[in-house]
Protein backbone atom coordinates (compact mmCIF):
# COMPACT_ATOMS: atom_id res chain seq x y z
CA MET A 1 132.14 158.52 82.87
CA MET A 2 129.95 156.43 80.28
CA ARG A 3 132.59 153.51 80.47
CA ALA A 4 132.46 153.40 84.19
CA ASN A 5 128.45 153.38 84.04
CA ALA A 6 128.42 150.55 81.79
CA HIS A 7 130.92 148.62 84.07
CA ARG A 8 128.56 149.29 87.17
CA ALA A 9 125.60 148.07 84.94
CA THR A 10 127.36 144.94 84.12
CA GLY A 11 128.43 143.93 87.49
CA ARG A 12 124.67 144.64 88.64
CA ARG A 13 123.47 142.09 85.83
CA HIS A 14 126.21 139.86 86.89
CA ARG A 15 125.11 139.90 90.67
CA ARG A 16 121.36 139.22 89.63
CA ALA A 17 122.75 136.23 87.76
CA ALA A 18 124.57 134.89 90.70
CA LYS A 19 121.55 135.29 92.85
CA ASP A 20 119.16 133.59 90.54
CA THR A 21 121.94 131.01 90.36
CA GLY A 22 121.65 130.47 93.98
CA ARG A 23 117.78 129.52 94.03
CA THR A 24 118.75 126.14 92.06
CA ASN A 25 116.75 123.12 93.48
CA TRP A 26 119.79 121.10 94.33
CA ARG A 27 117.95 118.13 95.37
CA ARG A 28 116.27 118.04 92.15
CA PHE A 29 119.58 118.66 90.44
CA THR A 30 121.37 115.75 92.61
CA LEU A 31 118.98 113.30 91.84
CA ALA A 32 119.03 114.16 87.68
CA GLY A 33 122.89 113.80 88.32
CA ILE A 34 122.75 110.29 90.01
CA GLY A 35 120.03 109.35 87.32
CA ALA A 36 122.38 110.37 84.47
CA THR A 37 125.40 108.59 86.38
CA VAL A 38 123.47 105.42 86.74
CA ALA A 39 121.57 105.19 83.35
CA ALA A 40 125.30 105.34 81.80
CA ALA A 41 126.63 102.62 84.06
CA GLY A 42 124.00 100.41 84.60
CA THR A 43 121.60 100.03 81.78
CA ILE A 44 121.38 96.78 80.13
CA ALA A 45 123.24 96.78 76.94
CA ALA A 46 122.00 95.59 73.45
CA THR A 47 124.61 95.09 71.08
CA THR A 48 126.24 92.33 68.76
CA ALA A 49 127.61 89.58 70.47
CA ALA A 50 130.67 88.38 69.30
CA ALA A 51 133.45 88.26 71.47
CA VAL A 52 130.94 89.85 73.73
CA PRO A 53 132.40 89.28 77.16
CA VAL A 54 135.68 91.07 76.89
CA SER A 55 134.40 93.86 74.33
CA PHE A 56 134.05 96.51 77.16
CA ALA A 57 135.34 97.41 80.68
CA VAL A 58 133.33 95.81 83.49
CA SER A 59 132.06 98.07 86.09
CA GLY A 60 132.71 97.20 89.73
CA ASN A 61 129.11 96.77 90.82
CA PRO A 62 127.11 93.79 89.91
CA PHE A 63 123.44 94.28 88.68
CA ILE A 64 120.33 91.99 89.43
CA VAL A 65 117.97 90.45 87.27
CA ARG A 66 114.58 89.07 88.36
CA ALA A 67 112.03 87.04 86.31
CA ASP A 68 109.21 84.56 87.11
CA ARG A 69 110.68 82.48 84.03
CA LEU A 70 113.34 82.07 81.48
CA GLU A 71 112.84 79.75 78.73
CA ALA A 72 116.22 79.41 76.60
CA THR A 73 117.42 77.24 73.61
CA SER A 74 121.00 76.05 73.09
CA ALA A 75 122.82 77.16 76.81
CA VAL A 76 126.49 76.76 77.28
CA GLN A 77 128.30 77.70 80.58
CA PHE A 78 131.90 77.30 82.14
CA PRO A 79 133.87 79.19 84.19
CA SER A 80 135.97 82.10 83.66
CA PHE A 81 137.42 85.42 84.90
CA ARG A 82 136.61 89.00 83.87
CA GLN A 83 138.59 92.14 84.38
CA ASP A 84 136.72 95.26 85.83
CA ALA A 85 137.61 99.08 85.05
CA THR A 86 139.96 98.96 88.04
CA GLY A 87 142.06 96.19 86.92
CA ARG A 88 140.44 93.58 89.31
CA GLN A 89 139.80 89.92 88.16
CA ARG A 90 136.35 88.72 89.03
CA THR A 91 135.75 84.98 88.96
CA VAL A 92 132.39 84.38 86.85
CA ALA A 93 130.42 81.70 85.40
CA ALA A 94 130.49 82.87 81.51
CA VAL A 95 127.08 81.81 79.93
CA GLY A 96 125.82 81.64 76.05
CA ILE A 97 122.30 81.48 75.02
CA GLU A 98 121.11 81.69 71.65
CA GLN A 99 117.40 82.19 72.07
CA ALA A 100 115.75 83.14 75.36
CA ARG A 101 112.05 84.22 76.36
CA ILE A 102 112.13 86.07 79.83
CA TYR A 103 108.71 86.59 81.58
CA ARG A 104 108.06 89.34 84.21
CA LEU A 105 111.55 90.72 84.12
CA CYS A 106 113.02 93.40 86.59
CA GLN A 107 116.65 94.46 86.36
CA SER A 108 118.20 96.76 88.97
CA ALA A 109 121.68 98.38 89.03
CA VAL A 110 122.76 100.46 92.28
CA ALA A 111 125.12 103.15 91.85
CA HIS A 112 126.87 104.84 94.55
CA THR A 113 128.24 108.31 93.14
CA PRO A 114 129.67 111.33 94.69
CA LEU A 115 126.19 112.71 94.72
CA GLY A 116 124.69 109.91 96.48
CA THR A 117 123.31 106.44 96.09
CA ALA A 118 120.40 105.82 93.48
CA THR A 119 119.05 102.51 91.74
CA LEU A 120 117.93 102.09 88.27
CA GLN A 121 114.98 99.75 87.72
CA ILE A 122 114.00 98.59 84.23
CA ARG A 123 110.61 96.47 84.29
CA SER A 124 108.76 94.55 81.25
CA GLY A 125 105.26 95.14 81.15
CA GLY A 126 102.15 92.64 81.00
CA ASP A 127 102.37 89.02 80.24
CA GLU A 128 104.36 89.51 77.17
CA PRO A 129 107.88 87.84 77.43
CA VAL A 130 110.97 89.80 76.75
CA ARG A 131 112.69 88.66 73.54
CA VAL A 132 116.60 88.00 73.55
CA ASP A 133 118.58 86.63 71.09
CA ALA A 134 122.58 85.75 71.32
CA LEU A 135 122.50 86.51 74.88
CA ALA A 136 125.87 86.35 76.88
CA ILE A 137 126.03 87.22 80.48
CA ASP A 138 128.96 87.13 83.24
CA LEU A 139 127.07 85.56 86.10
CA SER A 140 128.33 85.96 89.81
CA ARG A 141 125.30 84.12 91.22
CA LEU A 142 122.23 82.37 89.70
CA SER A 143 119.24 80.59 91.64
CA GLY A 144 115.92 79.30 90.87
CA ASP A 145 113.98 75.88 89.63
CA MET A 146 116.26 74.90 86.73
CA THR A 147 115.42 72.26 84.01
CA TYR A 148 117.79 71.18 81.59
CA ARG A 149 117.22 68.96 78.86
CA ASP A 150 119.84 67.06 76.38
CA VAL A 151 122.65 67.95 78.88
CA GLU A 152 126.30 67.43 78.28
CA MET A 153 128.49 67.88 81.23
CA GLY A 154 132.28 68.06 81.73
CA ARG A 155 132.74 68.72 77.81
CA ASP A 156 136.04 70.86 77.15
CA ALA A 157 134.65 74.64 77.09
CA SER A 158 136.69 75.22 73.89
CA THR A 159 134.39 73.28 71.85
CA LEU A 160 131.22 74.88 73.00
CA ARG A 161 129.81 77.73 70.87
CA ALA A 162 126.63 79.82 71.88
CA ALA A 163 126.11 83.49 70.95
CA GLY A 164 129.76 84.18 70.49
CA VAL A 165 130.54 82.72 73.72
CA PHE A 166 133.45 79.89 74.12
CA GLY A 167 135.88 78.89 76.75
CA THR A 168 139.77 77.91 76.98
CA PRO A 169 141.20 74.37 76.15
CA GLY A 170 140.98 72.41 79.08
CA THR A 171 138.48 74.09 80.87
CA TYR A 172 135.29 72.39 82.48
CA GLY A 173 132.03 73.37 80.34
CA GLN A 174 128.37 71.98 80.04
CA ARG A 175 125.72 72.58 77.61
CA ALA A 176 121.99 72.02 77.07
CA ARG A 177 119.44 72.00 74.15
CA THR A 178 117.19 73.66 76.25
CA LEU A 179 116.86 75.33 79.68
CA THR A 180 113.98 76.46 81.98
CA ILE A 181 114.33 78.62 85.23
CA LYS A 182 111.44 79.31 87.41
CA ASN A 183 111.67 82.40 90.00
CA MET A 184 114.95 83.35 88.54
CA ARG A 185 117.14 85.69 90.59
CA LEU A 186 120.74 86.36 89.00
CA LYS A 187 123.56 88.56 89.74
CA ALA A 188 125.95 89.51 87.23
CA TRP A 189 128.84 91.70 86.01
CA SER A 190 127.93 91.91 82.57
CA LEU A 191 125.30 91.27 79.97
CA THR A 192 125.09 91.52 76.30
CA ALA A 193 122.68 90.74 73.39
CA GLY A 194 122.21 90.94 69.62
CA MET A 195 118.79 91.90 70.46
CA PHE A 196 116.88 92.76 73.88
CA ALA A 197 112.96 93.47 73.06
CA LEU A 198 110.76 94.52 75.71
CA THR A 199 107.06 95.27 75.36
CA ASP A 200 105.37 97.95 77.37
CA ALA A 201 108.65 98.56 79.36
CA SER A 202 109.24 101.09 82.02
CA MET A 203 112.55 102.63 83.27
CA SER A 204 112.83 104.55 86.78
CA VAL A 205 115.69 105.88 88.99
CA LYS A 206 115.25 105.87 92.72
CA ALA A 207 116.98 107.52 95.45
CA GLY A 208 118.76 105.04 97.50
CA GLU A 209 119.25 101.01 97.40
CA GLN A 210 116.16 99.74 95.89
CA PRO A 211 116.95 96.54 93.93
CA CYS A 212 114.28 94.24 92.36
CA ARG A 213 112.82 91.94 95.05
């Protein structure tokens, strides 16, 4: 009899626990789950830049970076391909920059998950520039007011070196001693850097598609 009563008491406790579980705020839980997924998939990477462009699987979703101005030294660029996590080859402009300063940066990545769509945004604060060393980017699009100085175009990409980025022999390449881009907007598949330092930065996760504008 005592054993049967214990079983009944245990059953009541289980039913109460199940009832409490049913009170979960599913909207909050869903947004938190989306945020964790986006943060894992879309955050700007900060790591060493040797052989960077092929050091990890590229996601199937590009991200957007906007800034008032980018000032760079020792920049190289050439066409290439990158394979994403599904095995698809993406056409990219491989860019290597030794040092850069980026003013009023906004980076956004949209993630489409089984729980819904969300956007991760990272913004730099104030007038202090983002400081970047050994920057490597796989670009799909770049726009803005660009000024190159001490330019070489048509150089073999295998002879170019910047931030661990270099191309294959026979591929068109170009380099510049300095590069300035005003009103910059770029879309990229991947970004890595030896250092990516943001002052007074903020990060937020928003429901739906809300890219930097």
